[in-house]
Amino acid sequence: MAEKVTKSAQFERTRTALLTTARKLFAEQGYANTATEDIVQQAGVTRGALYYHFRDKAGLFQAVFDELEEFMQQEIARSTTETEGDMWQRFRAGAITFFSLCARPDIQRILYIDGPAVLSADTWRTTITEAGIDIVRQHLRLLMEQGYIAELPLEALTHLWFGAYAEAALYIARTEDQAAAQREIGRCVEHLAKGMRLQAQAAATRPSPEPKN
C-alpha cells in the first residue's frame, strides 16, 4: 500500500512540475519558441516523463490551457460570490474580474494569442465557450428574474453577451497598450449593461395602456 501511495504522489509531482514549468515558459516565450527540452530540463524530469503524461507538446499546451481556463472561471465565480450587494453589483464584479484577468500576461499569451493558433479554431472556441457560457447564462437569467434587465430570449442574449466578452478579451490581448484597452472595454461594457438596465426601468414605470371599451 505504501508503495502505491508513493507512486501516486510521484505521478502528481511530475505532472504538476511539467504543467507549472510549461505555463511559465509558454507565457514568457510563446508556444513556438518553447522547446520540449527546455520544459523537461527546467521541470527536472526526463523527456520520457513528459511523453508519459502528455502525447506531445501540443497535448501539454492543451492541459495548461484547460488549467488556466478553469482558474479564470473559479476566480470569476469567487468574485461574484464574495461581492456584497445585489445581483447587479455581483454581475459587474464578475465582468471586472474577467477583464482584469485578461490583462495578465500568462492568460493573454496562452489563452488568447497562442490558443487560437495552437488549437484548432473549433477546439479553441468550444473550450472557451463551454468554460464560461454557463456563468453568463446564470447571471443573465437572474438579472431577468429580478427585473434588472428586460425579458429577452435567454440563449440568444447569452451567446451575444458571451461573444462580446470573448472578442473583448482578444482585443485586450492583441493591442499594444493593454491597460488602456482594458479601461476602454470596461467603459463600453458598463455602458451597454446600463443601457439594458435603463430600458427595463423605463418599461417598468411606463403606464399600461387603458383597456379599450
C-alpha atoms as a PDB file:
ATOM      1  CA  MET A   1       0.000   0.000   0.000  1.00  0.00           C
ATOM      2  CA  ALA A   2       2.807   2.403   0.898  1.00  0.00           C
ATOM      3  CA  GLU A   3       4.445   1.810  -2.493  1.00  0.00           C
ATOM      4  CA  LYS A   4       1.207   2.659  -4.335  1.00  0.00           C
ATOM      5  CA  VAL A   5       0.828   5.920  -2.409  1.00  0.00           C
ATOM      6  CA  THR A   6       4.422   6.869  -3.189  1.00  0.00           C
ATOM      7  CA  LYS A   7       3.951   6.188  -6.898  1.00  0.00           C
ATOM      8  CA  SER A   8       0.732   8.180  -6.925  1.00  0.00           C
ATOM      9  CA  ALA A   9       2.424  11.117  -5.204  1.00  0.00           C
ATOM     10  CA  GLN A  10       5.349  10.970  -7.627  1.00  0.00           C
ATOM     11  CA  PHE A  11       2.929  10.890 -10.552  1.00  0.00           C
ATOM     12  CA  GLU A  12       1.224  14.055  -9.332  1.00  0.00           C
ATOM     13  CA  ARG A  13       4.517  15.825  -8.573  1.00  0.00           C
ATOM     14  CA  THR A  14       5.836  15.109 -12.052  1.00  0.00           C
ATOM     15  CA  ARG A  15       2.653  16.244 -13.747  1.00  0.00           C
ATOM     16  CA  THR A  16       2.488  19.405 -11.636  1.00  0.00           C
ATOM     17  CA  ALA A  17       6.134  20.218 -12.388  1.00  0.00           C
ATOM     18  CA  LEU A  18       5.533  19.851 -16.116  1.00  0.00           C
ATOM     19  CA  LEU A  19       2.380  21.986 -16.056  1.00  0.00           C
ATOM     20  CA  THR A  20       3.933  24.704 -13.897  1.00  0.00           C
ATOM     21  CA  THR A  21       7.104  24.901 -15.980  1.00  0.00           C
ATOM     22  CA  ALA A  22       5.262  24.788 -19.299  1.00  0.00           C
ATOM     23  CA  ARG A  23       2.878  27.522 -18.177  1.00  0.00           C
ATOM     24  CA  LYS A  24       5.828  29.752 -17.233  1.00  0.00           C
ATOM     25  CA  LEU A  25       7.719  29.153 -20.490  1.00  0.00           C
ATOM     26  CA  PHE A  26       4.663  29.375 -22.754  1.00  0.00           C
ATOM     27  CA  ALA A  27       3.773  32.694 -21.120  1.00  0.00           C
ATOM     28  CA  GLU A  28       7.294  34.122 -21.347  1.00  0.00           C
ATOM     29  CA  GLN A  29       8.464  32.755 -24.702  1.00  0.00           C
ATOM     30  CA  GLY A  30       5.323  31.688 -26.512  1.00  0.00           C
ATOM     31  CA  TYR A  31       4.437  28.213 -27.689  1.00  0.00           C
ATOM     32  CA  ALA A  32       6.517  28.257 -30.876  1.00  0.00           C
ATOM     33  CA  ASN A  33       9.698  29.400 -29.102  1.00  0.00           C
ATOM     34  CA  THR A  34       9.460  26.870 -26.273  1.00  0.00           C
ATOM     35  CA  ALA A  35      11.220  23.557 -26.870  1.00  0.00           C
ATOM     36  CA  THR A  36      10.248  20.398 -25.050  1.00  0.00           C
ATOM     37  CA  GLU A  37      13.887  20.078 -23.959  1.00  0.00           C
ATOM     38  CA  ASP A  38      13.608  23.430 -22.156  1.00  0.00           C
ATOM     39  CA  ILE A  39      10.481  22.245 -20.377  1.00  0.00           C
ATOM     40  CA  VAL A  40      11.887  18.938 -19.124  1.00  0.00           C
ATOM     41  CA  GLN A  41      15.193  20.492 -18.049  1.00  0.00           C
ATOM     42  CA  GLN A  42      13.556  23.247 -16.021  1.00  0.00           C
ATOM     43  CA  ALA A  43      10.945  20.864 -14.615  1.00  0.00           C
ATOM     44  CA  GLY A  44      13.684  18.451 -13.551  1.00  0.00           C
ATOM     45  CA  VAL A  45      12.136  15.442 -15.280  1.00  0.00           C
ATOM     46  CA  THR A  46      13.013  13.214 -18.212  1.00  0.00           C
ATOM     47  CA  ARG A  47      11.686  13.543 -21.747  1.00  0.00           C
ATOM     48  CA  GLY A  48      10.102  10.137 -21.259  1.00  0.00           C
ATOM     49  CA  ALA A  49       8.141  11.512 -18.292  1.00  0.00           C
ATOM     50  CA  LEU A  50       6.732  14.286 -20.470  1.00  0.00           C
ATOM     51  CA  TYR A  51       5.517  11.806 -23.084  1.00  0.00           C
ATOM     52  CA  TYR A  52       4.166   9.529 -20.391  1.00  0.00           C
ATOM     53  CA  HIS A  53       1.867  12.294 -19.125  1.00  0.00           C
ATOM     54  CA  PHE A  54       1.145  14.084 -22.410  1.00  0.00           C
ATOM     55  CA  ARG A  55       1.089  12.856 -26.001  1.00  0.00           C
ATOM     56  CA  ASP A  56       3.295  15.750 -27.232  1.00  0.00           C
ATOM     57  CA  LYS A  57       3.975  19.453 -26.725  1.00  0.00           C
ATOM     58  CA  ALA A  58       0.556  20.322 -28.122  1.00  0.00           C
ATOM     59  CA  GLY A  59      -1.063  17.989 -25.592  1.00  0.00           C
ATOM     60  CA  LEU A  60       0.866  19.676 -22.796  1.00  0.00           C
ATOM     61  CA  PHE A  61      -0.257  23.066 -24.090  1.00  0.00           C
ATOM     62  CA  GLN A  62      -3.876  21.879 -24.115  1.00  0.00           C
ATOM     63  CA  ALA A  63      -3.555  20.831 -20.462  1.00  0.00           C
ATOM     64  CA  VAL A  64      -2.028  24.190 -19.497  1.00  0.00           C
ATOM     65  CA  PHE A  65      -4.761  25.960 -21.463  1.00  0.00           C
ATOM     66  CA  ASP A  66      -7.509  23.982 -19.691  1.00  0.00           C
ATOM     67  CA  GLU A  67      -5.940  24.637 -16.288  1.00  0.00           C
ATOM     68  CA  LEU A  68      -5.780  28.388 -16.910  1.00  0.00           C
ATOM     69  CA  GLU A  69      -9.337  28.494 -18.217  1.00  0.00           C
ATOM     70  CA  GLU A  70     -10.573  26.675 -15.124  1.00  0.00           C
ATOM     71  CA  PHE A  71      -8.641  29.109 -12.926  1.00  0.00           C
ATOM     72  CA  MET A  72     -10.354  32.037 -14.650  1.00  0.00           C
ATOM     73  CA  GLN A  73     -13.820  30.601 -14.101  1.00  0.00           C
ATOM     74  CA  GLN A  74     -13.070  29.899 -10.442  1.00  0.00           C
ATOM     75  CA  GLU A  75     -11.853  33.467  -9.912  1.00  0.00           C
ATOM     76  CA  ILE A  76     -14.919  34.931 -11.611  1.00  0.00           C
ATOM     77  CA  ALA A  77     -17.233  32.711  -9.569  1.00  0.00           C
ATOM     78  CA  ARG A  78     -15.372  33.652  -6.387  1.00  0.00           C
ATOM     79  CA  SER A  79     -15.626  37.383  -7.095  1.00  0.00           C
ATOM     80  CA  THR A  80     -19.360  37.220  -7.771  1.00  0.00           C
ATOM     81  CA  THR A  81     -19.982  35.099  -4.675  1.00  0.00           C
ATOM     82  CA  GLU A  82     -17.917  37.243  -2.322  1.00  0.00           C
ATOM     83  CA  THR A  83     -19.110  40.620  -3.599  1.00  0.00           C
ATOM     84  CA  GLU A  84     -21.545  42.294  -1.217  1.00  0.00           C
ATOM     85  CA  GLY A  85     -24.671  43.878  -2.594  1.00  0.00           C
ATOM     86  CA  ASP A  86     -27.358  42.947  -5.061  1.00  0.00           C
ATOM     87  CA  MET A  87     -27.263  40.809  -8.179  1.00  0.00           C
ATOM     88  CA  TRP A  88     -26.366  43.784 -10.355  1.00  0.00           C
ATOM     89  CA  GLN A  89     -23.266  44.535  -8.293  1.00  0.00           C
ATOM     90  CA  ARG A  90     -22.201  40.884  -8.438  1.00  0.00           C
ATOM     91  CA  PHE A  91     -22.716  40.879 -12.210  1.00  0.00           C
ATOM     92  CA  ARG A  92     -20.455  43.946 -12.521  1.00  0.00           C
ATOM     93  CA  ALA A  93     -17.869  42.359 -10.226  1.00  0.00           C
ATOM     94  CA  GLY A  94     -17.697  39.293 -12.464  1.00  0.00           C
ATOM     95  CA  ALA A  95     -17.120  41.456 -15.535  1.00  0.00           C
ATOM     96  CA  ILE A  96     -14.403  43.490 -13.807  1.00  0.00           C
ATOM     97  CA  THR A  97     -12.650  40.312 -12.681  1.00  0.00           C
ATOM     98  CA  PHE A  98     -12.820  38.821 -16.173  1.00  0.00           C
ATOM     99  CA  PHE A  99     -11.217  41.841 -17.853  1.00  0.00           C
ATOM    100  CA  SER A 100      -8.594  42.135 -15.113  1.00  0.00           C
ATOM    101  CA  LEU A 101      -7.615  38.511 -15.678  1.00  0.00           C
ATOM    102  CA  CYS A 102      -7.458  39.092 -19.440  1.00  0.00           C
ATOM    103  CA  ALA A 103      -4.713  41.646 -18.790  1.00  0.00           C
ATOM    104  CA  ARG A 104      -2.466  39.059 -17.116  1.00  0.00           C
ATOM    105  CA  PRO A 105       0.492  38.167 -19.378  1.00  0.00           C
ATOM    106  CA  ASP A 106       0.138  34.378 -18.957  1.00  0.00           C
ATOM    107  CA  ILE A 107      -3.590  34.407 -19.694  1.00  0.00           C
ATOM    108  CA  GLN A 108      -3.138  36.786 -22.615  1.00  0.00           C
ATOM    109  CA  ARG A 109      -0.433  34.733 -24.244  1.00  0.00           C
ATOM    110  CA  ILE A 110      -1.730  31.224 -23.612  1.00  0.00           C
ATOM    111  CA  LEU A 111      -5.497  31.669 -23.899  1.00  0.00           C
ATOM    112  CA  TYR A 112      -5.910  34.494 -26.381  1.00  0.00           C
ATOM    113  CA  ILE A 113      -2.761  34.738 -28.504  1.00  0.00           C
ATOM    114  CA  ASP A 114      -1.310  31.230 -28.817  1.00  0.00           C
ATOM    115  CA  GLY A 115      -4.548  29.427 -28.000  1.00  0.00           C
ATOM    116  CA  PRO A 116      -6.349  30.130 -31.283  1.00  0.00           C
ATOM    117  CA  ALA A 117      -3.159  29.344 -33.236  1.00  0.00           C
ATOM    118  CA  VAL A 118      -2.093  26.128 -31.483  1.00  0.00           C
ATOM    119  CA  LEU A 119      -5.534  24.601 -31.030  1.00  0.00           C
ATOM    120  CA  SER A 120      -7.893  24.234 -33.945  1.00  0.00           C
ATOM    121  CA  ALA A 121     -10.345  27.102 -34.303  1.00  0.00           C
ATOM    122  CA  ASP A 122     -13.234  24.823 -33.339  1.00  0.00           C
ATOM    123  CA  THR A 123     -11.415  23.408 -30.311  1.00  0.00           C
ATOM    124  CA  TRP A 124     -10.407  26.854 -29.069  1.00  0.00           C
ATOM    125  CA  ARG A 125     -13.898  28.311 -29.473  1.00  0.00           C
ATOM    126  CA  THR A 126     -15.586  25.259 -27.939  1.00  0.00           C
ATOM    127  CA  THR A 127     -13.253  25.231 -24.920  1.00  0.00           C
ATOM    128  CA  ILE A 128     -13.624  28.954 -24.284  1.00  0.00           C
ATOM    129  CA  THR A 129     -17.390  28.798 -24.717  1.00  0.00           C
ATOM    130  CA  GLU A 130     -18.045  25.712 -22.582  1.00  0.00           C
ATOM    131  CA  ALA A 131     -15.937  27.093 -19.765  1.00  0.00           C
ATOM    132  CA  GLY A 132     -17.640  30.444 -19.379  1.00  0.00           C
ATOM    133  CA  ILE A 133     -21.039  30.453 -21.009  1.00  0.00           C
ATOM    134  CA  ASP A 134     -22.842  28.807 -18.086  1.00  0.00           C
ATOM    135  CA  ILE A 135     -21.746  31.634 -15.768  1.00  0.00           C
ATOM    136  CA  VAL A 136     -23.019  34.252 -18.222  1.00  0.00           C
ATOM    137  CA  ARG A 137     -26.299  32.385 -18.699  1.00  0.00           C
ATOM    138  CA  GLN A 138     -26.868  32.059 -14.961  1.00  0.00           C
ATOM    139  CA  HIS A 139     -26.219  35.751 -14.322  1.00  0.00           C
ATOM    140  CA  LEU A 140     -28.447  36.927 -17.149  1.00  0.00           C
ATOM    141  CA  ARG A 141     -31.262  34.625 -16.034  1.00  0.00           C
ATOM    142  CA  LEU A 142     -31.124  36.039 -12.503  1.00  0.00           C
ATOM    143  CA  LEU A 143     -30.975  39.617 -13.789  1.00  0.00           C
ATOM    144  CA  MET A 144     -34.124  38.990 -15.811  1.00  0.00           C
ATOM    145  CA  GLU A 145     -35.923  37.222 -12.959  1.00  0.00           C
ATOM    146  CA  GLN A 146     -35.107  40.049 -10.550  1.00  0.00           C
ATOM    147  CA  GLY A 147     -36.145  42.761 -13.005  1.00  0.00           C
ATOM    148  CA  TYR A 148     -32.740  44.340 -13.611  1.00  0.00           C
ATOM    149  CA  ILE A 149     -32.960  43.774 -17.363  1.00  0.00           C
ATOM    150  CA  ALA A 150     -35.895  43.177 -19.690  1.00  0.00           C
ATOM    151  CA  GLU A 151     -37.124  39.694 -20.522  1.00  0.00           C
ATOM    152  CA  LEU A 152     -35.308  38.623 -23.673  1.00  0.00           C
ATOM    153  CA  PRO A 153     -34.582  35.232 -25.311  1.00  0.00           C
ATOM    154  CA  LEU A 154     -32.065  33.868 -22.816  1.00  0.00           C
ATOM    155  CA  GLU A 155     -29.953  31.706 -25.125  1.00  0.00           C
ATOM    156  CA  ALA A 156     -29.664  34.395 -27.783  1.00  0.00           C
ATOM    157  CA  LEU A 157     -28.693  37.040 -25.217  1.00  0.00           C
ATOM    158  CA  THR A 158     -26.244  34.657 -23.518  1.00  0.00           C
ATOM    159  CA  HIS A 159     -24.362  33.923 -26.746  1.00  0.00           C
ATOM    160  CA  LEU A 160     -24.415  37.574 -27.770  1.00  0.00           C
ATOM    161  CA  TRP A 161     -23.075  38.759 -24.413  1.00  0.00           C
ATOM    162  CA  PHE A 162     -20.518  35.963 -24.154  1.00  0.00           C
ATOM    163  CA  GLY A 163     -19.340  36.669 -27.709  1.00  0.00           C
ATOM    164  CA  ALA A 164     -18.749  40.296 -26.739  1.00  0.00           C
ATOM    165  CA  TYR A 165     -16.654  39.160 -23.762  1.00  0.00           C
ATOM    166  CA  ALA A 166     -14.586  36.758 -25.879  1.00  0.00           C
ATOM    167  CA  GLU A 167     -13.884  39.378 -28.545  1.00  0.00           C
ATOM    168  CA  ALA A 168     -13.045  41.925 -25.850  1.00  0.00           C
ATOM    169  CA  ALA A 169     -10.511  39.503 -24.372  1.00  0.00           C
ATOM    170  CA  LEU A 170      -8.875  39.065 -27.777  1.00  0.00           C
ATOM    171  CA  TYR A 171      -8.797  42.832 -28.253  1.00  0.00           C
ATOM    172  CA  ILE A 172      -7.086  43.373 -24.894  1.00  0.00           C
ATOM    173  CA  ALA A 173      -4.542  40.614 -25.532  1.00  0.00           C
ATOM    174  CA  ARG A 174      -3.583  41.766 -29.021  1.00  0.00           C
ATOM    175  CA  THR A 175      -3.349  45.519 -28.560  1.00  0.00           C
ATOM    176  CA  GLU A 176      -0.095  47.220 -27.562  1.00  0.00           C
ATOM    177  CA  ASP A 177      -1.488  49.188 -24.617  1.00  0.00           C
ATOM    178  CA  GLN A 178      -3.386  46.522 -22.685  1.00  0.00           C
ATOM    179  CA  ALA A 179      -4.095  48.797 -19.723  1.00  0.00           C
ATOM    180  CA  ALA A 180      -5.779  51.366 -21.956  1.00  0.00           C
ATOM    181  CA  ALA A 181      -7.663  48.629 -23.822  1.00  0.00           C
ATOM    182  CA  GLN A 182      -8.912  47.194 -20.541  1.00  0.00           C
ATOM    183  CA  ARG A 183     -10.216  50.606 -19.455  1.00  0.00           C
ATOM    184  CA  GLU A 184     -11.882  51.181 -22.819  1.00  0.00           C
ATOM    185  CA  ILE A 185     -13.558  47.773 -22.804  1.00  0.00           C
ATOM    186  CA  GLY A 186     -14.706  48.290 -19.231  1.00  0.00           C
ATOM    187  CA  ARG A 187     -16.354  51.592 -20.130  1.00  0.00           C
ATOM    188  CA  CYS A 188     -18.079  50.110 -23.166  1.00  0.00           C
ATOM    189  CA  VAL A 189     -19.387  47.078 -21.292  1.00  0.00           C
ATOM    190  CA  GLU A 190     -20.625  49.298 -18.468  1.00  0.00           C
ATOM    191  CA  HIS A 191     -22.425  51.489 -20.992  1.00  0.00           C
ATOM    192  CA  LEU A 192     -24.108  48.525 -22.660  1.00  0.00           C
ATOM    193  CA  ALA A 193     -25.118  46.968 -19.352  1.00  0.00           C
ATOM    194  CA  LYS A 194     -26.553  50.239 -18.057  1.00  0.00           C
ATOM    195  CA  GLY A 195     -28.485  50.587 -21.277  1.00  0.00           C
ATOM    196  CA  MET A 196     -30.181  47.243 -20.678  1.00  0.00           C
ATOM    197  CA  ARG A 197     -30.976  48.193 -17.098  1.00  0.00           C
ATOM    198  CA  LEU A 198     -32.366  51.629 -18.003  1.00  0.00           C
ATOM    199  CA  GLN A 199     -34.571  50.064 -20.650  1.00  0.00           C
ATOM    200  CA  ALA A 200     -36.017  47.671 -18.072  1.00  0.00           C
ATOM    201  CA  GLN A 201     -36.572  50.525 -15.615  1.00  0.00           C
ATOM    202  CA  ALA A 202     -38.310  52.619 -18.252  1.00  0.00           C
ATOM    203  CA  ALA A 203     -40.563  49.714 -19.198  1.00  0.00           C
ATOM    204  CA  ALA A 204     -41.460  49.120 -15.547  1.00  0.00           C
ATOM    205  CA  THR A 205     -42.536  52.734 -14.999  1.00  0.00           C
ATOM    206  CA  ARG A 206     -44.376  53.117 -18.310  1.00  0.00           C
ATOM    207  CA  PRO A 207     -48.144  53.256 -17.677  1.00  0.00           C
ATOM    208  CA  SER A 208     -50.113  50.339 -19.034  1.00  0.00           C
ATOM    209  CA  PRO A 209     -52.396  51.178 -21.940  1.00  0.00           C
ATOM    210  CA  GLU A 210     -56.002  51.720 -20.913  1.00  0.00           C
ATOM    211  CA  PRO A 211     -58.299  48.928 -21.982  1.00  0.00           C
ATOM    212  CA  LYS A 212     -60.488  49.674 -24.965  1.00  0.00           C
ATOM    213  CA  ASN A 213     -64.222  49.935 -24.397  1.00  0.00           C
END
